[in-house]
């Protein structure tokens, strides 16, 4: 999965959908991992949870994600999962990526 695909799936999971009938619209890509998210009232903002800590906090709170910090070893990875089941899990060296991968897996499974 590319960074842009992960971001798009996270946006959809948070209620941003492509199409003019949606209350929130994912309009177009800004970079390899960010998109412009607009809403019906005409506002727009850059949606980039891979690099935006506030957007990561929203994902964590919205989906009640569990987080285990890295252990002190050579392969330190953040472990993120959703509890209760279905139990989607993700590992990554950066917390934002682990959270986004977990949410993207949940969204892709719908």
C-alpha atoms as a PDB file:
ATOM      1  CA  UNK A   1       0.000   0.000   0.000  1.00  0.00           C
ATOM      2  CA  UNK A   2       1.397   3.431  -0.912  1.00  0.00           C
ATOM      3  CA  UNK A   3       1.411   6.394   1.462  1.00  0.00           C
ATOM      4  CA  UNK A   4      -1.297   8.062  -0.631  1.00  0.00           C
ATOM      5  CA  UNK A   5      -3.507   4.947  -0.494  1.00  0.00           C
ATOM      6  CA  UNK A   6      -3.058   4.769   3.284  1.00  0.00           C
ATOM      7  CA  UNK A   7      -3.981   8.456   3.606  1.00  0.00           C
ATOM      8  CA  UNK A   8      -7.057   8.023   1.377  1.00  0.00           C
ATOM      9  CA  UNK A   9      -8.266   5.048   3.436  1.00  0.00           C
ATOM     10  CA  UNK A  10      -7.759   7.003   6.680  1.00  0.00           C
ATOM     11  CA  UNK A  11      -9.712   9.942   5.226  1.00  0.00           C
ATOM     12  CA  UNK A  12     -12.562   7.637   4.236  1.00  0.00           C
ATOM     13  CA  UNK A  13     -12.535   6.050   7.694  1.00  0.00           C
ATOM     14  CA  UNK A  14     -12.941   9.520   9.224  1.00  0.00           C
ATOM     15  CA  UNK A  15     -15.897  10.324   6.981  1.00  0.00           C
ATOM     16  CA  UNK A  16     -14.267  12.038   4.025  1.00  0.00           C
ATOM     17  CA  UNK A  17     -15.638  10.526   0.804  1.00  0.00           C
ATOM     18  CA  UNK A  18     -15.184  11.216  -2.878  1.00  0.00           C
ATOM     19  CA  UNK A  19     -18.293  12.453  -4.671  1.00  0.00           C
ATOM     20  CA  UNK A  20     -20.429  15.546  -4.736  1.00  0.00           C
ATOM     21  CA  UNK A  21     -23.208  14.018  -2.592  1.00  0.00           C
ATOM     22  CA  UNK A  22     -20.942  13.435   0.386  1.00  0.00           C
ATOM     23  CA  UNK A  23     -20.885  15.883   3.280  1.00  0.00           C
ATOM     24  CA  UNK A  24     -17.105  15.768   3.204  1.00  0.00           C
ATOM     25  CA  UNK A  25     -15.242  15.394  -0.067  1.00  0.00           C
ATOM     26  CA  UNK A  26     -11.697  14.201  -0.734  1.00  0.00           C
ATOM     27  CA  UNK A  27     -10.805  16.445  -3.633  1.00  0.00           C
ATOM     28  CA  UNK A  28      -7.275  15.874  -4.897  1.00  0.00           C
ATOM     29  CA  UNK A  29      -3.759  14.897  -3.982  1.00  0.00           C
ATOM     30  CA  UNK A  30      -1.285  17.472  -2.694  1.00  0.00           C
ATOM     31  CA  UNK A  31       1.805  15.274  -2.455  1.00  0.00           C
ATOM     32  CA  UNK A  32       2.725  11.602  -2.341  1.00  0.00           C
ATOM     33  CA  UNK A  33       1.013  11.285   1.036  1.00  0.00           C
ATOM     34  CA  UNK A  34      -1.383  14.237   1.490  1.00  0.00           C
ATOM     35  CA  UNK A  35      -4.765  15.143   0.065  1.00  0.00           C
ATOM     36  CA  UNK A  36      -7.073  18.138   0.203  1.00  0.00           C
ATOM     37  CA  UNK A  37     -10.221  17.381   2.177  1.00  0.00           C
ATOM     38  CA  UNK A  38     -13.149  19.710   1.603  1.00  0.00           C
ATOM     39  CA  UNK A  39     -16.589  19.815   3.114  1.00  0.00           C
ATOM     40  CA  UNK A  40     -20.039  20.877   1.897  1.00  0.00           C
ATOM     41  CA  UNK A  41     -19.658  24.363   3.407  1.00  0.00           C
ATOM     42  CA  UNK A  42     -16.706  25.102   1.141  1.00  0.00           C
ATOM     43  CA  UNK A  43     -13.859  24.757   3.634  1.00  0.00           C
ATOM     44  CA  UNK A  44     -10.689  22.907   2.704  1.00  0.00           C
ATOM     45  CA  UNK A  45      -7.705  21.583   4.578  1.00  0.00           C
ATOM     46  CA  UNK A  46      -4.732  19.341   3.941  1.00  0.00           C
ATOM     47  CA  UNK A  47      -5.273  15.845   5.308  1.00  0.00           C
ATOM     48  CA  UNK A  48      -1.913  14.239   6.051  1.00  0.00           C
ATOM     49  CA  UNK A  49      -2.109  12.041   9.160  1.00  0.00           C
ATOM     50  CA  UNK A  50       1.234  10.432   8.330  1.00  0.00           C
ATOM     51  CA  UNK A  51       2.857  13.741   9.324  1.00  0.00           C
ATOM     52  CA  UNK A  52       0.177  15.574  11.350  1.00  0.00           C
ATOM     53  CA  UNK A  53       0.071  14.609  15.034  1.00  0.00           C
ATOM     54  CA  UNK A  54      -3.336  16.235  15.638  1.00  0.00           C
ATOM     55  CA  UNK A  55      -4.897  14.111  12.894  1.00  0.00           C
ATOM     56  CA  UNK A  56      -3.254  11.007  14.400  1.00  0.00           C
ATOM     57  CA  UNK A  57      -4.772  11.870  17.785  1.00  0.00           C
ATOM     58  CA  UNK A  58      -8.203  12.082  16.105  1.00  0.00           C
ATOM     59  CA  UNK A  59      -7.742   8.603  14.589  1.00  0.00           C
ATOM     60  CA  UNK A  60      -6.591   7.125  17.912  1.00  0.00           C
ATOM     61  CA  UNK A  61      -9.544   8.608  19.803  1.00  0.00           C
ATOM     62  CA  UNK A  62     -12.139   7.856  17.110  1.00  0.00           C
ATOM     63  CA  UNK A  63     -11.235   4.167  16.766  1.00  0.00           C
ATOM     64  CA  UNK A  64     -10.110   3.525  20.362  1.00  0.00           C
ATOM     65  CA  UNK A  65      -6.726   2.262  19.228  1.00  0.00           C
ATOM     66  CA  UNK A  66      -4.315   0.579  21.624  1.00  0.00           C
ATOM     67  CA  UNK A  67      -0.643   1.560  21.426  1.00  0.00           C
ATOM     68  CA  UNK A  68       2.448  -0.203  22.712  1.00  0.00           C
ATOM     69  CA  UNK A  69       5.618   1.888  22.569  1.00  0.00           C
ATOM     70  CA  UNK A  70       8.832   0.481  21.116  1.00  0.00           C
ATOM     71  CA  UNK A  71      10.972  -1.739  23.278  1.00  0.00           C
ATOM     72  CA  UNK A  72      14.619  -0.820  23.700  1.00  0.00           C
ATOM     73  CA  UNK A  73      16.282  -2.992  21.076  1.00  0.00           C
ATOM     74  CA  UNK A  74      17.620  -2.754  17.547  1.00  0.00           C
ATOM     75  CA  UNK A  75      14.200  -3.265  15.943  1.00  0.00           C
ATOM     76  CA  UNK A  76      12.144  -0.755  17.897  1.00  0.00           C
ATOM     77  CA  UNK A  77       8.606  -0.730  16.483  1.00  0.00           C
ATOM     78  CA  UNK A  78       5.362   0.909  17.579  1.00  0.00           C
ATOM     79  CA  UNK A  79       2.592  -1.684  17.852  1.00  0.00           C
ATOM     80  CA  UNK A  80      -0.949  -0.382  17.210  1.00  0.00           C
ATOM     81  CA  UNK A  81      -4.137  -2.448  17.264  1.00  0.00           C
ATOM     82  CA  UNK A  82      -7.863  -2.090  17.607  1.00  0.00           C
ATOM     83  CA  UNK A  83      -9.616  -3.736  20.494  1.00  0.00           C
ATOM     84  CA  UNK A  84     -12.119  -5.340  20.766  1.00  0.00           C
ATOM     85  CA  UNK A  85     -12.169  -7.559  17.730  1.00  0.00           C
ATOM     86  CA  UNK A  86     -11.970  -7.380  14.815  1.00  0.00           C
ATOM     87  CA  UNK A  87      -8.349  -7.070  15.809  1.00  0.00           C
ATOM     88  CA  UNK A  88      -6.431  -5.130  13.154  1.00  0.00           C
ATOM     89  CA  UNK A  89      -2.782  -4.639  14.013  1.00  0.00           C
ATOM     90  CA  UNK A  90       0.181  -2.729  12.567  1.00  0.00           C
ATOM     91  CA  UNK A  91       3.872  -2.373  13.371  1.00  0.00           C
ATOM     92  CA  UNK A  92       6.139   0.473  12.269  1.00  0.00           C
ATOM     93  CA  UNK A  93       9.130   2.426  13.500  1.00  0.00           C
ATOM     94  CA  UNK A  94       7.093   5.666  13.415  1.00  0.00           C
ATOM     95  CA  UNK A  95       3.891   5.988  15.451  1.00  0.00           C
ATOM     96  CA  UNK A  96       1.999   7.938  12.767  1.00  0.00           C
ATOM     97  CA  UNK A  97       2.638   5.229  10.191  1.00  0.00           C
ATOM     98  CA  UNK A  98       1.613   2.423  12.567  1.00  0.00           C
ATOM     99  CA  UNK A  99      -1.663   4.194  13.403  1.00  0.00           C
ATOM    100  CA  UNK A 100      -2.441   4.956   9.755  1.00  0.00           C
ATOM    101  CA  UNK A 101      -1.645   1.410   8.646  1.00  0.00           C
ATOM    102  CA  UNK A 102      -3.946  -0.002  11.320  1.00  0.00           C
ATOM    103  CA  UNK A 103      -6.826   2.288  10.295  1.00  0.00           C
ATOM    104  CA  UNK A 104      -6.189   1.634   6.591  1.00  0.00           C
ATOM    105  CA  UNK A 105      -6.417  -2.133   7.227  1.00  0.00           C
ATOM    106  CA  UNK A 106      -9.742  -1.649   9.016  1.00  0.00           C
ATOM    107  CA  UNK A 107     -11.116   0.520   6.231  1.00  0.00           C
ATOM    108  CA  UNK A 108      -9.898  -1.768   3.441  1.00  0.00           C
ATOM    109  CA  UNK A 109     -11.600  -4.734   5.136  1.00  0.00           C
ATOM    110  CA  UNK A 110     -15.029  -3.068   4.916  1.00  0.00           C
END
